């Protein structure tokens, strides 16, 4: 029998799966130094994004049961 895989807890807190199996992520650079960023840029940072197809295999390995 194959051993259970451990979920990377840091990754589990950062990524979620959509119903279609894609992986959602939060955008970077939206937590501090916000005074110099434009309102438009900050508004766009609030939205979630999908991870790039190039990273999908790596992230799936970190969250095997998600």
PDB file of N, CA and C in Angstrom:
ATOM      1  N   UNK A   1       0.834  -1.178   0.000  1.00  0.00           N
ATOM      2  CA  UNK A   1       0.000   0.000   0.000  1.00  0.00           C
ATOM      3  C   UNK A   1       0.889   1.256   0.000  1.00  0.00           C
ATOM      4  N   UNK A   2       0.447   2.249  -0.775  1.00  0.00           N
ATOM      5  CA  UNK A   2       1.206   3.505  -0.858  1.00  0.00           C
ATOM      6  C   UNK A   2       1.039   4.302   0.435  1.00  0.00           C
ATOM      7  N   UNK A   3       2.101   4.963   0.905  1.00  0.00           N
ATOM      8  CA  UNK A   3       1.956   5.793   2.094  1.00  0.00           C
ATOM      9  C   UNK A   3       1.141   7.052   1.781  1.00  0.00           C
ATOM     10  N   UNK A   4       0.532   7.590   2.812  1.00  0.00           N
ATOM     11  CA  UNK A   4      -0.207   8.836   2.640  1.00  0.00           C
ATOM     12  C   UNK A   4       0.780   9.954   2.325  1.00  0.00           C
ATOM     13  N   UNK A   5       0.315  10.943   1.556  1.00  0.00           N
ATOM     14  CA  UNK A   5       1.148  12.099   1.231  1.00  0.00           C
ATOM     15  C   UNK A   5       0.829  13.221   2.203  1.00  0.00           C
ATOM     16  N   UNK A   6       1.841  13.970   2.572  1.00  0.00           N
ATOM     17  CA  UNK A   6       1.615  15.102   3.457  1.00  0.00           C
ATOM     18  C   UNK A   6       1.326  16.348   2.636  1.00  0.00           C
ATOM     19  N   UNK A   7       0.300  17.070   3.051  1.00  0.00           N
ATOM     20  CA  UNK A   7      -0.029  18.347   2.440  1.00  0.00           C
ATOM     21  C   UNK A   7       0.920  19.402   2.982  1.00  0.00           C
ATOM     22  N   UNK A   8       1.446  20.243   2.104  1.00  0.00           N
ATOM     23  CA  UNK A   8       2.266  21.379   2.531  1.00  0.00           C
ATOM     24  C   UNK A   8       1.308  22.416   3.112  1.00  0.00           C
ATOM     25  N   UNK A   9       1.393  22.631   4.424  1.00  0.00           N
ATOM     26  CA  UNK A   9       0.411  23.480   5.099  1.00  0.00           C
ATOM     27  C   UNK A   9       0.478  24.937   4.638  1.00  0.00           C
ATOM     28  N   UNK A  10       1.676  25.417   4.296  1.00  0.00           N
ATOM     29  CA  UNK A  10       1.800  26.784   3.793  1.00  0.00           C
ATOM     30  C   UNK A  10       1.063  26.943   2.473  1.00  0.00           C
ATOM     31  N   UNK A  11       1.194  25.938   1.604  1.00  0.00           N
ATOM     32  CA  UNK A  11       0.516  25.972   0.303  1.00  0.00           C
ATOM     33  C   UNK A  11      -0.988  25.824   0.478  1.00  0.00           C
ATOM     34  N   UNK A  12      -1.409  24.996   1.433  1.00  0.00           N
ATOM     35  CA  UNK A  12      -2.835  24.762   1.665  1.00  0.00           C
ATOM     36  C   UNK A  12      -3.548  26.054   2.064  1.00  0.00           C
ATOM     37  N   UNK A  13      -2.831  26.942   2.753  1.00  0.00           N
ATOM     38  CA  UNK A  13      -3.419  28.213   3.172  1.00  0.00           C
ATOM     39  C   UNK A  13      -3.451  29.229   2.035  1.00  0.00           C
ATOM     40  N   UNK A  14      -2.631  29.025   1.024  1.00  0.00           N
ATOM     41  CA  UNK A  14      -2.517  30.014  -0.054  1.00  0.00           C
ATOM     42  C   UNK A  14      -3.305  29.681  -1.311  1.00  0.00           C
ATOM     43  N   UNK A  15      -3.623  28.408  -1.518  1.00  0.00           N
ATOM     44  CA  UNK A  15      -4.284  27.991  -2.761  1.00  0.00           C
ATOM     45  C   UNK A  15      -5.605  27.305  -2.483  1.00  0.00           C
ATOM     46  N   UNK A  16      -6.558  27.490  -3.411  1.00  0.00           N
ATOM     47  CA  UNK A  16      -7.845  26.805  -3.360  1.00  0.00           C
ATOM     48  C   UNK A  16      -8.157  26.269  -4.738  1.00  0.00           C
ATOM     49  N   UNK A  17      -8.908  25.183  -4.787  1.00  0.00           N
ATOM     50  CA  UNK A  17      -9.318  24.625  -6.064  1.00  0.00           C
ATOM     51  C   UNK A  17     -10.678  25.182  -6.468  1.00  0.00           C
ATOM     52  N   UNK A  18     -10.845  25.445  -7.766  1.00  0.00           N
ATOM     53  CA  UNK A  18     -12.156  25.827  -8.289  1.00  0.00           C
ATOM     54  C   UNK A  18     -12.904  24.531  -8.595  1.00  0.00           C
ATOM     55  N   UNK A  19     -14.171  24.659  -8.911  1.00  0.00           N
ATOM     56  CA  UNK A  19     -14.985  23.484  -9.225  1.00  0.00           C
ATOM     57  C   UNK A  19     -14.454  22.758 -10.453  1.00  0.00           C
ATOM     58  N   UNK A  20     -13.873  23.521 -11.375  1.00  0.00           N
ATOM     59  CA  UNK A  20     -13.345  22.935 -12.604  1.00  0.00           C
ATOM     60  C   UNK A  20     -11.935  22.371 -12.473  1.00  0.00           C
ATOM     61  N   UNK A  21     -11.369  22.424 -11.248  1.00  0.00           N
ATOM     62  CA  UNK A  21     -10.048  21.838 -11.036  1.00  0.00           C
ATOM     63  C   UNK A  21      -8.876  22.785 -11.223  1.00  0.00           C
ATOM     64  N   UNK A  22      -9.175  24.065 -11.489  1.00  0.00           N
ATOM     65  CA  UNK A  22      -8.098  25.038 -11.590  1.00  0.00           C
ATOM     66  C   UNK A  22      -7.705  25.487 -10.184  1.00  0.00           C
ATOM     67  N   UNK A  23      -6.538  26.114 -10.061  1.00  0.00           N
ATOM     68  CA  UNK A  23      -6.050  26.520  -8.744  1.00  0.00           C
ATOM     69  C   UNK A  23      -6.058  28.038  -8.622  1.00  0.00           C
ATOM     70  N   UNK A  24      -6.793  28.516  -7.596  1.00  0.00           N
ATOM     71  CA  UNK A  24      -6.892  29.948  -7.339  1.00  0.00           C
ATOM     72  C   UNK A  24      -5.763  30.388  -6.419  1.00  0.00           C
ATOM     73  N   UNK A  25      -5.340  31.659  -6.589  1.00  0.00           N
ATOM     74  CA  UNK A  25      -4.325  32.231  -5.719  1.00  0.00           C
ATOM     75  C   UNK A  25      -4.652  33.695  -5.485  1.00  0.00           C
ATOM     76  N   UNK A  26      -4.030  34.266  -4.450  1.00  0.00           N
ATOM     77  CA  UNK A  26      -4.164  35.686  -4.172  1.00  0.00           C
ATOM     78  C   UNK A  26      -3.027  36.407  -4.886  1.00  0.00           C
ATOM     79  N   UNK A  27      -3.293  37.619  -5.320  1.00  0.00           N
ATOM     80  CA  UNK A  27      -2.247  38.377  -6.007  1.00  0.00           C
ATOM     81  C   UNK A  27      -1.236  38.943  -5.008  1.00  0.00           C
ATOM     82  N   UNK A  28      -0.011  39.088  -5.454  1.00  0.00           N
ATOM     83  CA  UNK A  28       1.061  39.607  -4.607  1.00  0.00           C
ATOM     84  C   UNK A  28       1.069  41.136  -4.623  1.00  0.00           C
ATOM     85  N   UNK A  29       1.796  41.714  -3.681  1.00  0.00           N
ATOM     86  CA  UNK A  29       2.060  43.157  -3.574  1.00  0.00           C
ATOM     87  C   UNK A  29       0.870  43.981  -3.102  1.00  0.00           C
ATOM     88  N   UNK A  30      -0.113  43.372  -2.467  1.00  0.00           N
ATOM     89  CA  UNK A  30      -1.278  44.139  -2.031  1.00  0.00           C
ATOM     90  C   UNK A  30      -1.390  44.328  -0.540  1.00  0.00           C
ATOM     91  N   UNK A  31      -0.312  44.055   0.215  1.00  0.00           N
ATOM     92  CA  UNK A  31      -0.449  44.096   1.667  1.00  0.00           C
ATOM     93  C   UNK A  31       0.164  45.325   2.339  1.00  0.00           C
ATOM     94  N   UNK A  32       1.156  45.953   1.756  1.00  0.00           N
ATOM     95  CA  UNK A  32       1.732  47.148   2.361  1.00  0.00           C
ATOM     96  C   UNK A  32       2.306  48.065   1.286  1.00  0.00           C
ATOM     97  N   UNK A  33       2.787  49.227   1.717  1.00  0.00           N
ATOM     98  CA  UNK A  33       3.278  50.275   0.801  1.00  0.00           C
ATOM     99  C   UNK A  33       2.210  50.639  -0.229  1.00  0.00           C
ATOM    100  N   UNK A  34       0.979  50.820   0.262  1.00  0.00           N
ATOM    101  CA  UNK A  34      -0.147  51.035  -0.646  1.00  0.00           C
ATOM    102  C   UNK A  34      -0.327  52.497  -1.047  1.00  0.00           C
ATOM    103  N   UNK A  35       0.334  53.411  -0.342  1.00  0.00           N
ATOM    104  CA  UNK A  35       0.123  54.833  -0.648  1.00  0.00           C
ATOM    105  C   UNK A  35       0.668  55.204  -2.015  1.00  0.00           C
ATOM    106  N   UNK A  36       1.724  54.550  -2.437  1.00  0.00           N
ATOM    107  CA  UNK A  36       2.316  54.887  -3.737  1.00  0.00           C
ATOM    108  C   UNK A  36       1.652  54.174  -4.913  1.00  0.00           C
ATOM    109  N   UNK A  37       0.758  53.234  -4.630  1.00  0.00           N
ATOM    110  CA  UNK A  37       0.087  52.498  -5.701  1.00  0.00           C
ATOM    111  C   UNK A  37      -1.215  53.198  -6.075  1.00  0.00           C
ATOM    112  N   UNK A  38      -1.548  53.173  -7.356  1.00  0.00           N
ATOM    113  CA  UNK A  38      -2.763  53.837  -7.821  1.00  0.00           C
ATOM    114  C   UNK A  38      -3.986  53.050  -7.363  1.00  0.00           C
ATOM    115  N   UNK A  39      -5.124  53.739  -7.325  1.00  0.00           N
ATOM    116  CA  UNK A  39      -6.381  53.113  -6.907  1.00  0.00           C
ATOM    117  C   UNK A  39      -6.726  51.953  -7.836  1.00  0.00           C
ATOM    118  N   UNK A  40      -6.461  52.147  -9.122  1.00  0.00           N
ATOM    119  CA  UNK A  40      -6.758  51.101 -10.102  1.00  0.00           C
ATOM    120  C   UNK A  40      -5.925  49.849  -9.830  1.00  0.00           C
ATOM    121  N   UNK A  41      -4.649  50.073  -9.535  1.00  0.00           N
ATOM    122  CA  UNK A  41      -3.752  48.943  -9.270  1.00  0.00           C
ATOM    123  C   UNK A  41      -4.169  48.200  -8.000  1.00  0.00           C
ATOM    124  N   UNK A  42      -4.526  48.943  -6.960  1.00  0.00           N
ATOM    125  CA  UNK A  42      -4.957  48.328  -5.697  1.00  0.00           C
ATOM    126  C   UNK A  42      -6.269  47.567  -5.877  1.00  0.00           C
ATOM    127  N   UNK A  43      -7.174  48.118  -6.674  1.00  0.00           N
ATOM    128  CA  UNK A  43      -8.456  47.469  -6.943  1.00  0.00           C
ATOM    129  C   UNK A  43      -8.236  46.145  -7.657  1.00  0.00           C
ATOM    130  N   UNK A  44      -7.315  46.142  -8.621  1.00  0.00           N
ATOM    131  CA  UNK A  44      -7.029  44.907  -9.356  1.00  0.00           C
ATOM    132  C   UNK A  44      -6.318  43.865  -8.492  1.00  0.00           C
ATOM    133  N   UNK A  45      -5.581  44.302  -7.489  1.00  0.00           N
ATOM    134  CA  UNK A  45      -4.911  43.378  -6.583  1.00  0.00           C
ATOM    135  C   UNK A  45      -5.894  42.660  -5.660  1.00  0.00           C
ATOM    136  N   UNK A  46      -7.067  43.254  -5.462  1.00  0.00           N
ATOM    137  CA  UNK A  46      -8.072  42.626  -4.595  1.00  0.00           C
ATOM    138  C   UNK A  46      -8.649  41.366  -5.210  1.00  0.00           C
ATOM    139  N   UNK A  47      -8.647  41.290  -6.528  1.00  0.00           N
ATOM    140  CA  UNK A  47      -9.241  40.134  -7.203  1.00  0.00           C
ATOM    141  C   UNK A  47      -8.332  38.919  -7.110  1.00  0.00           C
ATOM    142  N   UNK A  48      -8.954  37.730  -7.045  1.00  0.00           N
ATOM    143  CA  UNK A  48      -8.171  36.501  -7.081  1.00  0.00           C
ATOM    144  C   UNK A  48      -7.717  36.246  -8.503  1.00  0.00           C
ATOM    145  N   UNK A  49      -6.731  35.375  -8.643  1.00  0.00           N
ATOM    146  CA  UNK A  49      -6.206  35.026  -9.951  1.00  0.00           C
ATOM    147  C   UNK A  49      -6.005  33.522  -9.984  1.00  0.00           C
ATOM    148  N   UNK A  50      -5.764  32.985 -11.148  1.00  0.00           N
ATOM    149  CA  UNK A  50      -5.455  31.561 -11.281  1.00  0.00           C
ATOM    150  C   UNK A  50      -3.946  31.409 -11.430  1.00  0.00           C
ATOM    151  N   UNK A  51      -3.420  30.278 -10.959  1.00  0.00           N
ATOM    152  CA  UNK A  51      -1.983  30.066 -11.130  1.00  0.00           C
ATOM    153  C   UNK A  51      -1.705  29.747 -12.591  1.00  0.00           C
ATOM    154  N   UNK A  52      -0.479  29.981 -13.003  1.00  0.00           N
ATOM    155  CA  UNK A  52      -0.105  29.750 -14.384  1.00  0.00           C
ATOM    156  C   UNK A  52      -0.061  28.247 -14.665  1.00  0.00           C
ATOM    157  N   UNK A  53      -0.399  27.826 -15.864  1.00  0.00           N
ATOM    158  CA  UNK A  53      -0.357  26.398 -16.210  1.00  0.00           C
ATOM    159  C   UNK A  53       1.029  25.785 -15.990  1.00  0.00           C
ATOM    160  N   UNK A  54       2.087  26.612 -16.090  1.00  0.00           N
ATOM    161  CA  UNK A  54       3.444  26.114 -15.889  1.00  0.00           C
ATOM    162  C   UNK A  54       3.678  25.676 -14.450  1.00  0.00           C
ATOM    163  N   UNK A  55       2.956  26.283 -13.501  1.00  0.00           N
ATOM    164  CA  UNK A  55       3.145  25.963 -12.080  1.00  0.00           C
ATOM    165  C   UNK A  55       2.156  24.934 -11.555  1.00  0.00           C
ATOM    166  N   UNK A  56       1.190  24.536 -12.373  1.00  0.00           N
ATOM    167  CA  UNK A  56       0.116  23.669 -11.887  1.00  0.00           C
ATOM    168  C   UNK A  56       0.634  22.347 -11.308  1.00  0.00           C
ATOM    169  N   UNK A  57       1.566  21.715 -11.988  1.00  0.00           N
ATOM    170  CA  UNK A  57       2.093  20.421 -11.538  1.00  0.00           C
ATOM    171  C   UNK A  57       2.771  20.546 -10.170  1.00  0.00           C
ATOM    172  N   UNK A  58       3.555  21.625 -10.005  1.00  0.00           N
ATOM    173  CA  UNK A  58       4.264  21.850  -8.750  1.00  0.00           C
ATOM    174  C   UNK A  58       3.294  22.061  -7.587  1.00  0.00           C
ATOM    175  N   UNK A  59       2.264  22.888  -7.819  1.00  0.00           N
ATOM    176  CA  UNK A  59       1.325  23.207  -6.751  1.00  0.00           C
ATOM    177  C   UNK A  59       0.450  21.997  -6.421  1.00  0.00           C
ATOM    178  N   UNK A  60       0.060  21.214  -7.422  1.00  0.00           N
ATOM    179  CA  UNK A  60      -0.748  20.009  -7.182  1.00  0.00           C
ATOM    180  C   UNK A  60      -0.003  19.033  -6.290  1.00  0.00           C
ATOM    181  N   UNK A  61       1.306  18.992  -6.409  1.00  0.00           N
ATOM    182  CA  UNK A  61       2.131  18.103  -5.574  1.00  0.00           C
ATOM    183  C   UNK A  61       2.117  18.577  -4.110  1.00  0.00           C
ATOM    184  N   UNK A  62       2.020  19.899  -3.915  1.00  0.00           N
ATOM    185  CA  UNK A  62       2.013  20.438  -2.563  1.00  0.00           C
ATOM    186  C   UNK A  62       0.659  20.257  -1.868  1.00  0.00           C
ATOM    187  N   UNK A  63      -0.420  20.237  -2.670  1.00  0.00           N
ATOM    188  CA  UNK A  63      -1.759  20.061  -2.078  1.00  0.00           C
ATOM    189  C   UNK A  63      -2.462  18.869  -2.735  1.00  0.00           C
ATOM    190  N   UNK A  64      -1.984  17.642  -2.434  1.00  0.00           N
ATOM    191  CA  UNK A  64      -2.488  16.456  -3.129  1.00  0.00           C
ATOM    192  C   UNK A  64      -3.970  16.147  -2.891  1.00  0.00           C
ATOM    193  N   UNK A  65      -4.525  16.534  -1.758  1.00  0.00           N
ATOM    194  CA  UNK A  65      -5.922  16.166  -1.456  1.00  0.00           C
ATOM    195  C   UNK A  65      -6.899  17.309  -1.591  1.00  0.00           C
ATOM    196  N   UNK A  66      -6.437  18.454  -2.058  1.00  0.00           N
ATOM    197  CA  UNK A  66      -7.323  19.623  -2.195  1.00  0.00           C
ATOM    198  C   UNK A  66      -8.229  19.481  -3.411  1.00  0.00           C
TER     199      UNK A  66
END
